[in-house]
Amino acid sequence: MLLTDLLRFNPLNLFLPQKAVLKSNYKVTILLKNLRTVIRTEIIDQDPDLETLEITSDKGEIILTGVYLMSWLWVARFFGVDAVHFRVRLKPVIVKDNRAHCKIVGYRVWDTKPRKFDFVRWFGRIEPFHKKKVLASILKSAPELLSLTGLQWEIKFNMNYFLELVPSIAGKIDIQYIVADHEELYVFVRSGTILKPLVDFFGPEYVRIDYIEEDRDVPMLLWGKS
């Protein structure tokens, strides 16, 4: 310890409570429509059976749509099904430790070929195997980011994965909740540090940050109604 530091040292500070770090509210907007290239390289290219995948949002739900190849399944080959369309609707329900839990509130699958009788649509209602296969393909491509919880058909989205890529803010952001709408994700956070490094790292084409005053109605603001 330097002499100047020693002279300024007050032993009473050892017994005083630590000063709380002042935190501010922010709205972090993730622009889903600009993530196509990232989704292609990080998820689609990692699985030969996953032909397309698009992530968007509307009316409080995150929506996954895409095409999944089915030539590996004998019953699909028997009925001449080469690939299927799928549509998964996720509803963010809670955020714990910066991990968003999203409940699967809707799942549809249908043949990519127009048919009078769509065997895939019928089969998808009685047999969940293909559902597990499609979800597993998406999840296994990014296990550090996406995983299934102990609850049936609930996906956990680990947002710490992105925060840890920016060391200056890692561990300094507390995510409160998430709203999905208008092809974007609105993430309400509290933080005692400046969030600009997020934009510097990922780029303004993917992330936008807005400061929220303490007296604003945050839920209404996230929905764009104030």
Protein backbone atom coordinates (compact mmCIF):
# COMPACT_ATOMS: atom_id res chain seq x y z
CA MET A 1 0.00 0.00 0.00
CA LEU A 2 1.34 3.43 -0.90
CA LEU A 3 1.89 5.97 1.87
CA THR A 4 -0.78 8.28 0.41
CA ASP A 5 -3.26 5.41 0.45
CA LEU A 6 -2.36 4.59 4.04
CA LEU A 7 -2.96 8.18 5.15
CA ARG A 8 -6.41 8.15 3.53
CA PHE A 9 -7.34 4.77 5.01
CA ASN A 10 -10.15 4.91 7.59
CA PRO A 11 -10.39 1.73 9.72
CA LEU A 12 -14.05 2.51 10.47
CA ASN A 13 -14.86 1.67 6.85
CA LEU A 14 -14.28 -1.98 7.73
CA PHE A 15 -17.41 -1.92 9.90
CA LEU A 16 -19.62 0.20 7.67
CA PRO A 17 -21.99 -1.40 5.12
CA GLN A 18 -20.76 -1.40 1.54
CA LYS A 19 -22.19 1.28 -0.68
CA ALA A 20 -24.82 -0.09 -3.03
CA VAL A 21 -24.04 0.14 -6.71
CA LEU A 22 -26.59 2.36 -8.39
CA LYS A 23 -28.40 0.56 -11.17
CA SER A 24 -30.39 1.86 -14.09
CA ASN A 25 -33.11 0.39 -16.27
CA TYR A 26 -32.47 -0.37 -19.91
CA LYS A 27 -34.38 -1.84 -22.81
CA VAL A 28 -32.13 -4.03 -24.96
CA THR A 29 -33.71 -4.72 -28.34
CA ILE A 30 -32.53 -7.77 -30.28
CA LEU A 31 -33.32 -7.41 -33.99
CA LEU A 32 -34.29 -10.97 -34.92
CA LYS A 33 -34.80 -10.26 -38.61
CA ASN A 34 -31.09 -9.44 -38.94
CA LEU A 35 -29.91 -12.74 -37.44
CA ARG A 36 -30.38 -14.88 -40.56
CA THR A 37 -26.66 -15.17 -41.33
CA VAL A 38 -25.82 -16.02 -37.71
CA ILE A 39 -28.57 -18.65 -37.58
CA ARG A 40 -27.30 -20.18 -40.80
CA THR A 41 -23.69 -20.55 -39.64
CA GLU A 42 -24.29 -21.35 -35.97
CA ILE A 43 -27.33 -23.66 -36.16
CA ILE A 44 -28.39 -24.76 -39.66
CA ASP A 45 -24.93 -25.62 -40.95
CA GLN A 46 -24.32 -27.78 -37.87
CA ASP A 47 -27.09 -30.26 -38.73
CA PRO A 48 -27.40 -31.90 -42.19
CA ASP A 49 -31.12 -32.61 -41.63
CA LEU A 50 -32.07 -29.03 -40.74
CA GLU A 51 -32.55 -27.32 -44.09
CA THR A 52 -33.92 -23.93 -42.98
CA LEU A 53 -34.67 -22.12 -39.73
CA GLU A 54 -36.11 -18.68 -39.13
CA ILE A 55 -36.64 -17.02 -35.76
CA THR A 56 -39.13 -14.20 -35.42
CA SER A 57 -41.64 -12.89 -32.87
CA ASP A 58 -45.22 -11.68 -32.72
CA LYS A 59 -47.80 -10.91 -30.03
CA GLY A 60 -45.68 -12.05 -27.11
CA GLU A 61 -44.38 -15.23 -28.73
CA ILE A 62 -41.07 -16.32 -30.23
CA ILE A 63 -41.74 -18.26 -33.41
CA LEU A 64 -39.42 -20.84 -34.98
CA THR A 65 -40.22 -21.96 -38.53
CA GLY A 66 -38.24 -24.07 -40.95
CA VAL A 67 -37.85 -27.17 -43.07
CA TYR A 68 -36.56 -30.48 -41.73
CA LEU A 69 -35.38 -33.34 -43.97
CA MET A 70 -36.97 -36.73 -43.19
CA SER A 71 -35.22 -39.19 -45.51
CA TRP A 72 -33.61 -40.91 -42.48
CA LEU A 73 -37.04 -42.11 -41.21
CA TRP A 74 -38.31 -45.31 -42.90
CA VAL A 75 -41.98 -44.46 -42.46
CA ALA A 76 -41.39 -41.10 -44.14
CA ARG A 77 -39.72 -42.81 -47.10
CA PHE A 78 -42.62 -45.26 -47.29
CA PHE A 79 -45.10 -42.40 -47.71
CA GLY A 80 -42.80 -40.45 -50.01
CA VAL A 81 -42.15 -37.65 -47.51
CA ASP A 82 -38.82 -35.98 -48.23
CA ALA A 83 -39.10 -33.03 -45.85
CA VAL A 84 -41.54 -31.32 -43.49
CA HIS A 85 -42.36 -27.78 -42.53
CA PHE A 86 -42.39 -27.07 -38.80
CA ARG A 87 -43.62 -24.15 -36.72
CA VAL A 88 -42.88 -23.86 -33.01
CA ARG A 89 -44.39 -21.10 -30.84
CA LEU A 90 -42.60 -20.22 -27.60
CA LYS A 91 -43.93 -18.04 -24.79
CA PRO A 92 -41.35 -16.47 -22.43
CA VAL A 93 -42.69 -17.16 -18.95
CA ILE A 94 -39.92 -16.31 -16.49
CA VAL A 95 -36.26 -15.28 -16.29
CA LYS A 96 -33.97 -16.78 -13.63
CA ASP A 97 -30.26 -16.01 -13.39
CA ASN A 98 -30.37 -14.44 -16.87
CA ARG A 99 -31.87 -17.62 -18.31
CA ALA A 100 -35.21 -17.20 -20.02
CA HIS A 101 -37.66 -20.08 -19.69
CA CYS A 102 -39.91 -20.34 -22.75
CA LYS A 103 -42.92 -22.65 -22.77
CA ILE A 104 -43.84 -24.34 -26.05
CA VAL A 105 -47.43 -23.20 -26.58
CA GLY A 106 -47.83 -24.44 -30.15
CA TYR A 107 -46.28 -26.95 -32.53
CA ARG A 108 -47.29 -27.79 -36.10
CA VAL A 109 -45.71 -29.93 -38.78
CA TRP A 110 -46.83 -30.60 -42.36
CA ASP A 111 -45.51 -32.03 -45.62
CA THR A 112 -43.55 -29.77 -47.95
CA LYS A 113 -45.40 -31.39 -50.87
CA PRO A 114 -49.04 -30.38 -51.42
CA ARG A 115 -51.25 -33.44 -50.91
CA LYS A 116 -54.96 -34.19 -50.70
CA PHE A 117 -54.29 -36.09 -47.50
CA ASP A 118 -51.34 -34.80 -45.50
CA PHE A 119 -50.05 -37.86 -43.64
CA VAL A 120 -47.46 -35.74 -41.84
CA ARG A 121 -50.04 -33.35 -40.38
CA TRP A 122 -52.13 -36.31 -39.16
CA PHE A 123 -49.15 -38.28 -37.88
CA GLY A 124 -47.82 -35.23 -36.05
CA ARG A 125 -50.91 -35.08 -33.88
CA ILE A 126 -50.58 -38.60 -32.51
CA GLU A 127 -46.83 -39.24 -32.48
CA PRO A 128 -44.44 -36.83 -30.69
CA PHE A 129 -41.25 -38.56 -31.89
CA HIS A 130 -40.67 -36.20 -34.81
CA LYS A 131 -41.27 -33.25 -32.48
CA LYS A 132 -38.46 -34.39 -30.21
CA LYS A 133 -36.20 -34.96 -33.22
CA VAL A 134 -36.73 -31.49 -34.68
CA LEU A 135 -36.26 -29.79 -31.31
CA ALA A 136 -33.18 -31.90 -30.56
CA SER A 137 -31.62 -30.82 -33.87
CA ILE A 138 -32.05 -27.15 -33.00
CA LEU A 139 -30.93 -27.53 -29.39
CA LYS A 140 -27.89 -29.72 -29.96
CA SER A 141 -26.41 -27.18 -32.37
CA ALA A 142 -26.06 -24.67 -29.53
CA PRO A 143 -26.07 -26.59 -26.21
CA GLU A 144 -24.44 -23.71 -24.33
CA LEU A 145 -27.30 -21.45 -25.43
CA LEU A 146 -30.41 -23.64 -25.67
CA SER A 147 -31.61 -26.57 -23.57
CA LEU A 148 -34.77 -28.34 -22.44
CA THR A 149 -35.79 -27.88 -18.81
CA GLY A 150 -37.12 -30.54 -16.47
CA LEU A 151 -40.63 -29.45 -17.35
CA GLN A 152 -42.21 -31.01 -20.43
CA TRP A 153 -41.71 -28.94 -23.60
CA GLU A 154 -40.03 -25.93 -22.03
CA ILE A 155 -36.87 -24.47 -23.56
CA LYS A 156 -34.29 -22.54 -21.55
CA PHE A 157 -32.47 -19.73 -23.33
CA ASN A 158 -29.14 -18.94 -21.62
CA MET A 159 -28.52 -15.24 -22.25
CA ASN A 160 -25.36 -15.34 -20.12
CA TYR A 161 -23.75 -16.96 -23.16
CA PHE A 162 -23.89 -13.64 -25.01
CA LEU A 163 -23.01 -11.52 -21.98
CA GLU A 164 -19.89 -13.56 -21.26
CA LEU A 165 -18.60 -12.75 -24.73
CA VAL A 166 -18.19 -9.16 -23.53
CA PRO A 167 -15.95 -9.36 -20.39
CA SER A 168 -16.52 -5.73 -19.38
CA ILE A 169 -20.21 -6.38 -18.70
CA ALA A 170 -20.23 -10.08 -17.80
CA GLY A 171 -21.86 -10.61 -14.41
CA LYS A 172 -23.02 -6.99 -14.22
CA ILE A 173 -26.41 -7.26 -15.91
CA ASP A 174 -29.60 -8.47 -14.27
CA ILE A 175 -32.25 -9.47 -16.83
CA GLN A 176 -35.74 -8.89 -15.44
CA TYR A 177 -38.00 -10.19 -18.19
CA ILE A 178 -38.44 -10.50 -21.96
CA VAL A 179 -41.18 -9.40 -24.33
CA ALA A 180 -41.41 -10.76 -27.89
CA ASP A 181 -43.14 -8.77 -30.62
CA HIS A 182 -42.69 -7.05 -34.01
CA GLU A 183 -39.88 -9.44 -35.12
CA GLU A 184 -37.82 -8.30 -32.13
CA LEU A 185 -37.01 -9.30 -28.55
CA TYR A 186 -37.29 -6.57 -25.92
CA VAL A 187 -35.13 -7.43 -22.92
CA PHE A 188 -35.64 -5.35 -19.77
CA VAL A 189 -32.47 -5.24 -17.68
CA ARG A 190 -31.02 -3.48 -14.66
CA SER A 191 -27.34 -2.72 -14.61
CA GLY A 192 -24.83 -0.57 -12.77
CA THR A 193 -22.50 -0.47 -15.75
CA ILE A 194 -22.63 1.12 -19.18
CA LEU A 195 -24.05 -1.25 -21.78
CA LYS A 196 -22.49 0.34 -24.84
CA PRO A 197 -19.89 -2.47 -25.13
CA LEU A 198 -22.79 -4.77 -26.09
CA VAL A 199 -23.47 -2.67 -29.18
CA ASP A 200 -19.76 -2.28 -29.92
CA PHE A 201 -19.25 -6.05 -29.83
CA PHE A 202 -22.36 -7.34 -31.64
CA GLY A 203 -23.07 -4.32 -33.82
CA PRO A 204 -26.01 -1.89 -34.06
CA GLU A 205 -27.59 -4.05 -36.77
CA TYR A 206 -28.24 -6.72 -34.12
CA VAL A 207 -28.63 -4.87 -30.81
CA ARG A 208 -30.14 -1.55 -29.78
CA ILE A 209 -30.07 -0.11 -26.25
CA ASP A 210 -32.44 2.49 -24.75
CA TYR A 211 -32.21 4.02 -21.28
CA ILE A 212 -35.44 3.91 -19.30
CA GLU A 213 -36.17 6.53 -16.66
CA GLU A 214 -37.10 5.17 -13.25
CA ASP A 215 -40.61 6.65 -13.30
CA ARG A 216 -41.57 5.17 -16.67
CA ASP A 217 -44.10 2.36 -16.93
CA VAL A 218 -41.66 -0.28 -18.08
CA PRO A 219 -44.10 -3.04 -19.18
CA MET A 220 -46.12 -0.58 -21.23
CA LEU A 221 -42.95 0.89 -22.68
CA LEU A 222 -41.69 -2.52 -23.78
CA TRP A 223 -44.93 -3.11 -25.61
CA GLY A 224 -44.56 0.25 -27.33
CA LYS A 225 -47.70 1.72 -25.74
CA SER A 226 -46.26 4.67 -23.87
